[in-house]
Amino acid sequence: MSQEFSRQELIADEAFLLVEGGEMPEVAFHSAVYYLTQDEEGPFLKLRDQDIAPLKEAVVERYRIIVLRDLYPENKTKAMYRGVERSAANWLRLQLYAEREKRDISLIKSQAAQALGDFLRHEYDAVIRRGEASCLNCSQARLAAYAKSLGVVLENEVAQWRQLFLDPLR
């Protein structure tokens, strides 16, 4: 099988699988490296830095996707939705990964900050104005810490953001 595809095609395929993969990008990265280098069904490549680079970029892209996914209000009713708590956890994982791998995630930080503000305004309208149940699945402290890590001032986004946590059903 490995003789049918070029080195670049094999690595590109693994990078694609990383981006489209599941909830644990770093685990998927190590699985991809294992497949490419050691798996008995793999191509047994000797990976160079330029081979690993697109896989590491795919890890960052997958984190971007899952951080933002859980901040899009239109995803709240979908099975893939994990909520603000998971977005915050994945943001922390991405920060640690980016620091360790010396990756610039400033654009993702900006995107997540904008998405969090949009999400909170939407959630405020849904909960306070329309009487819907809140989908916030994190504590006030967790939300505040997440917002701070993104450079978001909660009071500037939704002045009464704490009211989202006053739902008697929660």
N, C-alpha and C. Protein backbone atom coordinates (compact mmCIF):
# COMPACT_ATOMS: atom_id res chain seq x y z
N MET A 1 0.82 -1.19 0.00
CA MET A 1 0.00 0.00 0.00
C MET A 1 0.86 1.26 0.00
N SER A 2 1.92 1.29 0.81
CA SER A 2 2.70 2.51 0.94
C SER A 2 3.44 2.87 -0.35
N GLN A 3 3.77 1.89 -1.19
CA GLN A 3 4.46 2.20 -2.44
C GLN A 3 3.54 2.92 -3.43
N GLU A 4 2.24 2.82 -3.25
CA GLU A 4 1.28 3.44 -4.16
C GLU A 4 1.20 4.95 -3.97
N PHE A 5 1.59 5.45 -2.84
CA PHE A 5 1.43 6.86 -2.51
C PHE A 5 2.77 7.50 -2.21
N SER A 6 2.89 8.76 -2.55
CA SER A 6 4.12 9.48 -2.23
C SER A 6 4.16 9.81 -0.75
N ARG A 7 5.32 10.14 -0.28
CA ARG A 7 5.53 10.56 1.10
C ARG A 7 4.59 11.72 1.44
N GLN A 8 4.54 12.73 0.57
CA GLN A 8 3.70 13.91 0.81
C GLN A 8 2.23 13.53 0.87
N GLU A 9 1.79 12.62 0.02
CA GLU A 9 0.39 12.19 0.03
C GLU A 9 0.05 11.47 1.33
N LEU A 10 0.94 10.61 1.79
CA LEU A 10 0.70 9.89 3.04
C LEU A 10 0.61 10.85 4.22
N ILE A 11 1.51 11.81 4.28
CA ILE A 11 1.49 12.79 5.37
C ILE A 11 0.27 13.69 5.26
N ALA A 12 -0.06 14.10 4.05
CA ALA A 12 -1.26 14.94 3.85
C ALA A 12 -2.52 14.20 4.28
N ASP A 13 -2.60 12.92 3.98
CA ASP A 13 -3.76 12.12 4.40
C ASP A 13 -3.87 12.08 5.92
N GLU A 14 -2.76 11.88 6.60
CA GLU A 14 -2.77 11.84 8.06
C GLU A 14 -3.14 13.20 8.63
N ALA A 15 -2.63 14.27 8.02
CA ALA A 15 -2.98 15.62 8.48
C ALA A 15 -4.47 15.87 8.31
N PHE A 16 -5.03 15.42 7.19
CA PHE A 16 -6.47 15.56 6.95
C PHE A 16 -7.25 14.83 8.03
N LEU A 17 -6.84 13.61 8.35
CA LEU A 17 -7.53 12.84 9.38
C LEU A 17 -7.44 13.53 10.74
N LEU A 18 -6.31 14.17 11.02
CA LEU A 18 -6.16 14.92 12.26
C LEU A 18 -7.16 16.06 12.33
N VAL A 19 -7.25 16.84 11.25
CA VAL A 19 -8.15 18.00 11.23
C VAL A 19 -9.60 17.55 11.35
N GLU A 20 -9.95 16.47 10.72
CA GLU A 20 -11.33 15.98 10.72
C GLU A 20 -11.60 15.02 11.86
N GLY A 21 -10.62 14.80 12.70
CA GLY A 21 -10.70 13.78 13.73
C GLY A 21 -11.54 14.16 14.93
N GLY A 22 -11.26 13.49 16.01
CA GLY A 22 -12.09 13.58 17.20
C GLY A 22 -11.71 14.66 18.17
N GLU A 23 -11.91 14.38 19.42
CA GLU A 23 -11.79 15.36 20.49
C GLU A 23 -10.39 15.46 21.09
N MET A 24 -9.47 14.65 20.64
CA MET A 24 -8.14 14.64 21.25
C MET A 24 -7.06 14.76 20.18
N PRO A 25 -6.82 15.98 19.70
CA PRO A 25 -5.88 16.17 18.59
C PRO A 25 -4.47 15.66 18.85
N GLU A 26 -3.99 15.81 20.06
CA GLU A 26 -2.62 15.36 20.33
C GLU A 26 -2.51 13.84 20.33
N VAL A 27 -3.54 13.16 20.78
CA VAL A 27 -3.55 11.70 20.71
C VAL A 27 -3.58 11.27 19.25
N ALA A 28 -4.39 11.95 18.45
CA ALA A 28 -4.46 11.64 17.02
C ALA A 28 -3.11 11.90 16.34
N PHE A 29 -2.41 12.95 16.76
CA PHE A 29 -1.08 13.24 16.22
C PHE A 29 -0.14 12.06 16.47
N HIS A 30 -0.10 11.58 17.71
CA HIS A 30 0.80 10.47 18.05
C HIS A 30 0.39 9.19 17.31
N SER A 31 -0.91 9.00 17.12
CA SER A 31 -1.38 7.86 16.34
C SER A 31 -0.92 7.96 14.89
N ALA A 32 -0.98 9.16 14.34
CA ALA A 32 -0.54 9.38 12.96
C ALA A 32 0.95 9.11 12.82
N VAL A 33 1.72 9.63 13.76
CA VAL A 33 3.17 9.40 13.71
C VAL A 33 3.47 7.90 13.84
N TYR A 34 2.78 7.24 14.74
CA TYR A 34 2.97 5.80 14.89
C TYR A 34 2.64 5.06 13.59
N TYR A 35 1.50 5.40 13.00
CA TYR A 35 1.11 4.75 11.74
C TYR A 35 2.17 4.97 10.67
N LEU A 36 2.61 6.18 10.54
CA LEU A 36 3.57 6.51 9.47
C LEU A 36 4.94 5.89 9.69
N THR A 37 5.30 5.63 10.94
CA THR A 37 6.67 5.18 11.22
C THR A 37 6.80 3.73 11.71
N GLN A 38 5.79 3.19 12.40
CA GLN A 38 5.98 1.90 13.06
C GLN A 38 4.88 0.87 12.83
N ASP A 39 3.69 1.32 12.50
CA ASP A 39 2.57 0.40 12.36
C ASP A 39 2.86 -0.63 11.27
N GLU A 40 2.53 -1.90 11.55
CA GLU A 40 2.82 -2.95 10.57
C GLU A 40 2.07 -2.75 9.25
N GLU A 41 0.98 -1.99 9.28
CA GLU A 41 0.24 -1.69 8.05
C GLU A 41 0.62 -0.32 7.47
N GLY A 42 1.53 0.36 8.12
CA GLY A 42 1.95 1.68 7.68
C GLY A 42 3.11 1.64 6.71
N PRO A 43 3.55 2.81 6.28
CA PRO A 43 4.62 2.89 5.27
C PRO A 43 6.04 2.87 5.83
N PHE A 44 6.22 2.85 7.15
CA PHE A 44 7.53 2.81 7.80
C PHE A 44 8.44 3.96 7.33
N LEU A 45 7.91 5.16 7.37
CA LEU A 45 8.69 6.33 6.97
C LEU A 45 9.64 6.76 8.08
N LYS A 46 10.71 7.37 7.70
CA LYS A 46 11.59 8.07 8.64
C LYS A 46 11.20 9.53 8.52
N LEU A 47 10.47 10.02 9.50
CA LEU A 47 9.92 11.38 9.42
C LEU A 47 10.99 12.43 9.72
N ARG A 48 10.98 13.46 8.90
CA ARG A 48 11.86 14.62 9.08
C ARG A 48 11.01 15.75 9.67
N ASP A 49 11.66 16.81 10.09
CA ASP A 49 10.94 17.95 10.65
C ASP A 49 9.89 18.48 9.68
N GLN A 50 10.24 18.56 8.40
CA GLN A 50 9.28 19.08 7.41
C GLN A 50 8.11 18.11 7.18
N ASP A 51 8.27 16.86 7.56
CA ASP A 51 7.16 15.90 7.48
C ASP A 51 6.22 16.06 8.68
N ILE A 52 6.80 16.36 9.82
CA ILE A 52 6.02 16.48 11.05
C ILE A 52 5.29 17.82 11.11
N ALA A 53 5.85 18.85 10.49
CA ALA A 53 5.26 20.20 10.56
C ALA A 53 3.78 20.23 10.15
N PRO A 54 3.39 19.62 9.03
CA PRO A 54 1.95 19.68 8.68
C PRO A 54 1.06 18.93 9.67
N LEU A 55 1.61 17.93 10.31
CA LEU A 55 0.84 17.21 11.32
C LEU A 55 0.62 18.08 12.56
N LYS A 56 1.65 18.82 12.94
CA LYS A 56 1.52 19.73 14.08
C LYS A 56 0.56 20.87 13.75
N GLU A 57 0.60 21.36 12.53
CA GLU A 57 -0.36 22.39 12.12
C GLU A 57 -1.79 21.84 12.15
N ALA A 58 -1.94 20.59 11.79
CA ALA A 58 -3.26 19.95 11.83
C ALA A 58 -3.78 19.85 13.26
N VAL A 59 -2.88 19.62 14.22
CA VAL A 59 -3.29 19.58 15.63
C VAL A 59 -3.86 20.94 16.02
N VAL A 60 -3.16 22.01 15.67
CA VAL A 60 -3.63 23.37 15.99
C VAL A 60 -4.97 23.64 15.32
N GLU A 61 -5.09 23.26 14.05
CA GLU A 61 -6.35 23.49 13.34
C GLU A 61 -7.50 22.70 13.96
N ARG A 62 -7.25 21.47 14.37
CA ARG A 62 -8.31 20.69 15.01
C ARG A 62 -8.72 21.33 16.33
N TYR A 63 -7.76 21.78 17.11
CA TYR A 63 -8.11 22.49 18.34
C TYR A 63 -8.95 23.72 18.02
N ARG A 64 -8.57 24.48 17.00
CA ARG A 64 -9.33 25.67 16.62
C ARG A 64 -10.78 25.29 16.33
N ILE A 65 -10.96 24.23 15.58
CA ILE A 65 -12.31 23.79 15.21
C ILE A 65 -13.13 23.43 16.44
N ILE A 66 -12.56 22.66 17.36
CA ILE A 66 -13.35 22.22 18.50
C ILE A 66 -13.53 23.30 19.56
N VAL A 67 -12.58 24.22 19.67
CA VAL A 67 -12.77 25.35 20.58
C VAL A 67 -13.94 26.21 20.10
N LEU A 68 -13.94 26.52 18.81
CA LEU A 68 -14.98 27.39 18.25
C LEU A 68 -16.33 26.68 18.14
N ARG A 69 -16.31 25.41 17.82
CA ARG A 69 -17.56 24.64 17.66
C ARG A 69 -18.47 24.80 18.87
N ASP A 70 -17.90 24.76 20.04
CA ASP A 70 -18.70 24.81 21.26
C ASP A 70 -19.04 26.23 21.69
N LEU A 71 -18.71 27.21 20.85
CA LEU A 71 -19.08 28.60 21.10
C LEU A 71 -20.09 29.11 20.07
N TYR A 72 -20.44 28.27 19.11
CA TYR A 72 -21.41 28.68 18.09
C TYR A 72 -22.81 28.31 18.56
N PRO A 73 -23.67 29.31 18.78
CA PRO A 73 -25.02 29.04 19.28
C PRO A 73 -25.80 28.06 18.41
N GLU A 74 -25.57 28.07 17.11
CA GLU A 74 -26.31 27.17 16.23
C GLU A 74 -25.96 25.70 16.47
N ASN A 75 -24.90 25.44 17.19
CA ASN A 75 -24.52 24.06 17.48
C ASN A 75 -25.13 23.53 18.78
N LYS A 76 -25.79 24.38 19.55
CA LYS A 76 -26.31 23.97 20.87
C LYS A 76 -27.25 22.77 20.80
N THR A 77 -27.95 22.60 19.72
CA THR A 77 -28.92 21.50 19.62
C THR A 77 -28.34 20.28 18.90
N LYS A 78 -27.08 20.33 18.53
CA LYS A 78 -26.47 19.23 17.78
C LYS A 78 -25.73 18.27 18.72
N ALA A 79 -25.67 17.02 18.30
CA ALA A 79 -25.02 15.99 19.12
C ALA A 79 -23.54 16.28 19.36
N MET A 80 -22.89 16.97 18.44
CA MET A 80 -21.47 17.24 18.58
C MET A 80 -21.16 18.32 19.62
N TYR A 81 -22.18 19.05 20.06
CA TYR A 81 -21.99 20.18 20.97
C TYR A 81 -21.59 19.69 22.36
N ARG A 82 -20.54 20.30 22.91
CA ARG A 82 -20.06 19.92 24.24
C ARG A 82 -20.16 21.06 25.25
N GLY A 83 -20.39 22.27 24.80
CA GLY A 83 -20.61 23.40 25.69
C GLY A 83 -19.37 24.22 25.99
N VAL A 84 -19.60 25.30 26.71
CA VAL A 84 -18.54 26.25 27.04
C VAL A 84 -17.47 25.60 27.90
N GLU A 85 -17.86 24.71 28.78
CA GLU A 85 -16.87 24.02 29.63
C GLU A 85 -15.84 23.29 28.76
N ARG A 86 -16.30 22.57 27.75
CA ARG A 86 -15.38 21.84 26.88
C ARG A 86 -14.56 22.79 26.03
N SER A 87 -15.18 23.87 25.57
CA SER A 87 -14.43 24.87 24.81
C SER A 87 -13.29 25.43 25.65
N ALA A 88 -13.58 25.75 26.90
CA ALA A 88 -12.56 26.27 27.81
C ALA A 88 -11.45 25.25 28.04
N ALA A 89 -11.82 24.00 28.22
CA ALA A 89 -10.82 22.94 28.44
C ALA A 89 -9.94 22.78 27.20
N ASN A 90 -10.56 22.80 26.03
CA ASN A 90 -9.78 22.66 24.80
C ASN A 90 -8.91 23.88 24.54
N TRP A 91 -9.38 25.07 24.92
CA TRP A 91 -8.55 26.27 24.80
C TRP A 91 -7.31 26.13 25.67
N LEU A 92 -7.48 25.64 26.89
CA LEU A 92 -6.33 25.45 27.78
C LEU A 92 -5.35 24.43 27.17
N ARG A 93 -5.87 23.34 26.65
CA ARG A 93 -5.00 22.34 26.01
C ARG A 93 -4.26 22.93 24.82
N LEU A 94 -4.98 23.73 24.03
CA LEU A 94 -4.34 24.37 22.88
C LEU A 94 -3.24 25.32 23.34
N GLN A 95 -3.49 26.10 24.37
CA GLN A 95 -2.46 27.01 24.88
C GLN A 95 -1.21 26.24 25.30
N LEU A 96 -1.40 25.15 26.01
CA LEU A 96 -0.26 24.35 26.46
C LEU A 96 0.49 23.75 25.27
N TYR A 97 -0.26 23.25 24.31
CA TYR A 97 0.36 22.68 23.12
C TYR A 97 1.14 23.75 22.36
N ALA A 98 0.52 24.90 22.16
CA ALA A 98 1.16 25.98 21.41
C ALA A 98 2.43 26.45 22.11
N GLU A 99 2.38 26.53 23.42
CA GLU A 99 3.57 26.94 24.17
C GLU A 99 4.68 25.90 24.01
N ARG A 100 4.33 24.65 24.16
CA ARG A 100 5.30 23.57 24.06
C ARG A 100 5.90 23.48 22.65
N GLU A 101 5.06 23.68 21.64
CA GLU A 101 5.50 23.53 20.24
C GLU A 101 5.87 24.86 19.59
N LYS A 102 5.81 25.94 20.37
CA LYS A 102 6.14 27.27 19.88
C LYS A 102 5.31 27.64 18.64
N ARG A 103 3.99 27.53 18.81
CA ARG A 103 3.04 27.86 17.75
C ARG A 103 2.32 29.16 18.08
N ASP A 104 2.10 29.98 17.09
CA ASP A 104 1.36 31.23 17.26
C ASP A 104 -0.13 30.94 17.14
N ILE A 105 -0.86 31.22 18.22
CA ILE A 105 -2.31 30.99 18.19
C ILE A 105 -3.07 32.29 18.41
N SER A 106 -2.43 33.41 18.13
CA SER A 106 -3.08 34.70 18.37
C SER A 106 -4.34 34.88 17.53
N LEU A 107 -4.35 34.39 16.30
CA LEU A 107 -5.55 34.50 15.48
C LEU A 107 -6.69 33.65 16.06
N ILE A 108 -6.37 32.47 16.53
CA ILE A 108 -7.39 31.62 17.15
C ILE A 108 -7.91 32.27 18.42
N LYS A 109 -7.03 32.89 19.19
CA LYS A 109 -7.45 33.58 20.40
C LYS A 109 -8.45 34.68 20.05
N SER A 110 -8.17 35.43 19.03
CA SER A 110 -9.07 36.50 18.59
C SER A 110 -10.41 35.93 18.13
N GLN A 111 -10.36 34.85 17.37
CA GLN A 111 -11.60 34.20 16.90
C GLN A 111 -12.42 33.68 18.07
N ALA A 112 -11.76 33.05 19.03
CA ALA A 112 -12.47 32.51 20.19
C ALA A 112 -13.04 33.62 21.06
N ALA A 113 -12.31 34.72 21.20
CA ALA A 113 -12.81 35.85 21.99
C ALA A 113 -14.09 36.41 21.35
N GLN A 114 -14.06 36.59 20.04
CA GLN A 114 -15.24 37.09 19.33
C GLN A 114 -16.40 36.11 19.47
N ALA A 115 -16.11 34.82 19.30
CA ALA A 115 -17.16 33.80 19.39
C ALA A 115 -17.75 33.73 20.80
N LEU A 116 -16.91 33.86 21.82
CA LEU A 116 -17.43 33.82 23.19
C LEU A 116 -18.36 35.00 23.44
N GLY A 117 -17.97 36.19 23.01
CA GLY A 117 -18.84 37.36 23.16
C GLY A 117 -20.16 37.18 22.45
N ASP A 118 -20.10 36.69 21.21
CA ASP A 118 -21.32 36.45 20.43
C ASP A 118 -22.20 35.41 21.13
N PHE A 119 -21.56 34.35 21.63
CA PHE A 119 -22.29 33.29 22.31
C PHE A 119 -23.02 33.84 23.54
N LEU A 120 -22.33 34.62 24.33
CA LEU A 120 -22.93 35.15 25.56
C LEU A 120 -24.08 36.09 25.27
N ARG A 121 -23.95 36.91 24.24
CA ARG A 121 -25.06 37.80 23.87
C ARG A 121 -26.26 36.96 23.41
N HIS A 122 -26.00 35.93 22.64
CA HIS A 122 -27.08 35.05 22.19
C HIS A 122 -27.71 34.32 23.37
N GLU A 123 -26.89 33.83 24.26
CA GLU A 123 -27.38 33.10 25.44
C GLU A 123 -28.19 34.02 26.33
N TYR A 124 -27.75 35.25 26.50
CA TYR A 124 -28.49 36.21 27.31
C TYR A 124 -29.88 36.45 26.70
N ASP A 125 -29.93 36.66 25.40
CA ASP A 125 -31.22 36.85 24.74
C ASP A 125 -32.12 35.63 24.91
N ALA A 126 -31.55 34.45 24.74
CA ALA A 126 -32.33 33.21 24.85
C ALA A 126 -32.85 33.00 26.27
N VAL A 127 -32.02 33.21 27.25
CA VAL A 127 -32.37 32.89 28.64
C VAL A 127 -33.18 34.01 29.29
N ILE A 128 -32.68 35.22 29.22
CA ILE A 128 -33.30 36.33 29.95
C ILE A 128 -34.50 36.90 29.18
N ARG A 129 -34.36 37.05 27.90
CA ARG A 129 -35.44 37.68 27.13
C ARG A 129 -36.51 36.69 26.66
N ARG A 130 -36.09 35.47 26.31
CA ARG A 130 -37.06 34.51 25.77
C ARG A 130 -37.42 33.40 26.77
N GLY A 131 -36.77 33.37 27.93
CA GLY A 131 -37.12 32.41 28.96
C GLY A 131 -36.67 30.99 28.71
N GLU A 132 -35.72 30.78 27.81
CA GLU A 132 -35.22 29.44 27.54
C GLU A 132 -34.26 29.01 28.65
N ALA A 133 -34.05 27.72 28.75
CA ALA A 133 -33.08 27.21 29.73
C ALA A 133 -31.67 27.52 29.23
N SER A 134 -30.81 27.85 30.16
CA SER A 134 -29.42 28.14 29.80
C SER A 134 -28.69 26.85 29.44
N CYS A 135 -27.81 26.94 28.49
CA CYS A 135 -26.99 25.77 28.15
C CYS A 135 -25.58 25.90 28.72
N LEU A 136 -25.34 26.93 29.52
CA LEU A 136 -24.02 27.07 30.13
C LEU A 136 -23.77 25.89 31.05
N ASN A 137 -22.69 25.21 30.82
CA ASN A 137 -22.38 24.01 31.60
C ASN A 137 -21.10 24.20 32.41
N CYS A 138 -20.81 25.45 32.75
CA CYS A 138 -19.63 25.74 33.55
C CYS A 138 -20.02 26.70 34.67
N SER A 139 -19.13 26.84 35.62
CA SER A 139 -19.39 27.76 36.73
C SER A 139 -19.07 29.19 36.31
N GLN A 140 -19.53 30.13 37.13
CA GLN A 140 -19.18 31.54 36.89
C GLN A 140 -17.67 31.72 36.90
N ALA A 141 -17.01 31.08 37.85
CA ALA A 141 -15.56 31.22 37.97
C ALA A 141 -14.86 30.68 36.72
N ARG A 142 -15.34 29.55 36.21
CA ARG A 142 -14.73 28.96 35.01
C ARG A 142 -14.94 29.87 33.81
N LEU A 143 -16.16 30.40 33.67
CA LEU A 143 -16.45 31.31 32.56
C LEU A 143 -15.58 32.56 32.66
N ALA A 144 -15.47 33.10 33.85
CA ALA A 144 -14.66 34.31 34.05
C ALA A 144 -13.18 34.05 33.72
N ALA A 145 -12.67 32.91 34.13
CA ALA A 145 -11.27 32.57 33.85
C ALA A 145 -11.05 32.36 32.34
N TYR A 146 -11.99 31.69 31.71
CA TYR A 146 -11.90 31.46 30.27
C TYR A 146 -11.92 32.80 29.53
N ALA A 147 -12.86 33.63 29.88
CA ALA A 147 -12.97 34.94 29.24
C ALA A 147 -11.67 35.73 29.43
N LYS A 148 -11.15 35.73 30.64
CA LYS A 148 -9.92 36.47 30.92
C LYS A 148 -8.76 35.94 30.07
N SER A 149 -8.67 34.62 29.93
CA SER A 149 -7.58 34.04 29.14
C SER A 149 -7.68 34.43 27.66
N LEU A 150 -8.89 34.77 27.22
CA LEU A 150 -9.09 35.21 25.84
C LEU A 150 -9.03 36.73 25.70
N GLY A 151 -8.90 37.42 26.83
CA GLY A 151 -8.88 38.88 26.80
C GLY A 151 -10.26 39.49 26.69
N VAL A 152 -11.28 38.73 27.07
CA VAL A 152 -12.67 39.19 27.01
C VAL A 152 -13.07 39.74 28.37
N VAL A 153 -13.60 40.95 28.38
CA VAL A 153 -14.16 41.54 29.60
C VAL A 153 -15.66 41.24 29.57
N LEU A 154 -16.08 40.34 30.43
CA LEU A 154 -17.48 39.87 30.39
C LEU A 154 -18.48 41.01 30.49
N GLU A 155 -18.22 41.96 31.36
CA GLU A 155 -19.16 43.07 31.54
C GLU A 155 -19.30 43.90 30.27
N ASN A 156 -18.29 43.91 29.42
CA ASN A 156 -18.38 44.64 28.15
C ASN A 156 -19.20 43.87 27.12
N GLU A 157 -19.28 42.57 27.26
CA GLU A 157 -20.03 41.74 26.32
C GLU A 157 -21.51 41.67 26.72
N VAL A 158 -21.74 41.29 27.95
CA VAL A 158 -23.10 41.20 28.50
C VAL A 158 -23.01 41.72 29.93
N ALA A 159 -23.51 42.93 30.14
CA ALA A 159 -23.34 43.58 31.44
C ALA A 159 -23.87 42.72 32.59
N GLN A 160 -24.96 42.03 32.39
CA GLN A 160 -25.55 41.21 33.44
C GLN A 160 -25.29 39.71 33.20
N TRP A 161 -24.09 39.37 32.80
CA TRP A 161 -23.78 37.99 32.46
C TRP A 161 -24.03 37.02 33.61
N ARG A 162 -23.92 37.48 34.84
CA ARG A 162 -24.13 36.59 35.99
C ARG A 162 -25.58 36.10 36.08
N GLN A 163 -26.50 36.84 35.49
CA GLN A 163 -27.90 36.42 35.49
C GLN A 163 -28.09 35.09 34.75
N LEU A 164 -27.18 34.77 33.88
CA LEU A 164 -27.27 33.49 33.16
C LEU A 164 -27.14 32.31 34.11
N PHE A 165 -26.61 32.55 35.29
CA PHE A 165 -26.40 31.48 36.26
C PHE A 165 -27.47 31.45 37.33
N LEU A 166 -28.50 32.26 37.18
CA LEU A 166 -29.57 32.32 38.18
C LEU A 166 -30.76 31.44 37.82
N ASP A 167 -30.62 30.63 36.80
CA ASP A 167 -31.69 29.73 36.38
C ASP A 167 -32.00 28.76 37.52
N PRO A 168 -33.23 28.74 38.05
CA PRO A 168 -33.55 27.87 39.18
C PRO A 168 -33.49 26.39 38.85
N LEU A 169 -33.46 26.04 37.57
CA LEU A 169 -33.38 24.63 37.19
C LEU A 169 -31.94 24.11 37.19
N ARG A 170 -30.99 24.97 37.41
CA ARG A 170 -29.57 24.56 37.36
C ARG A 170 -28.99 24.38 38.72
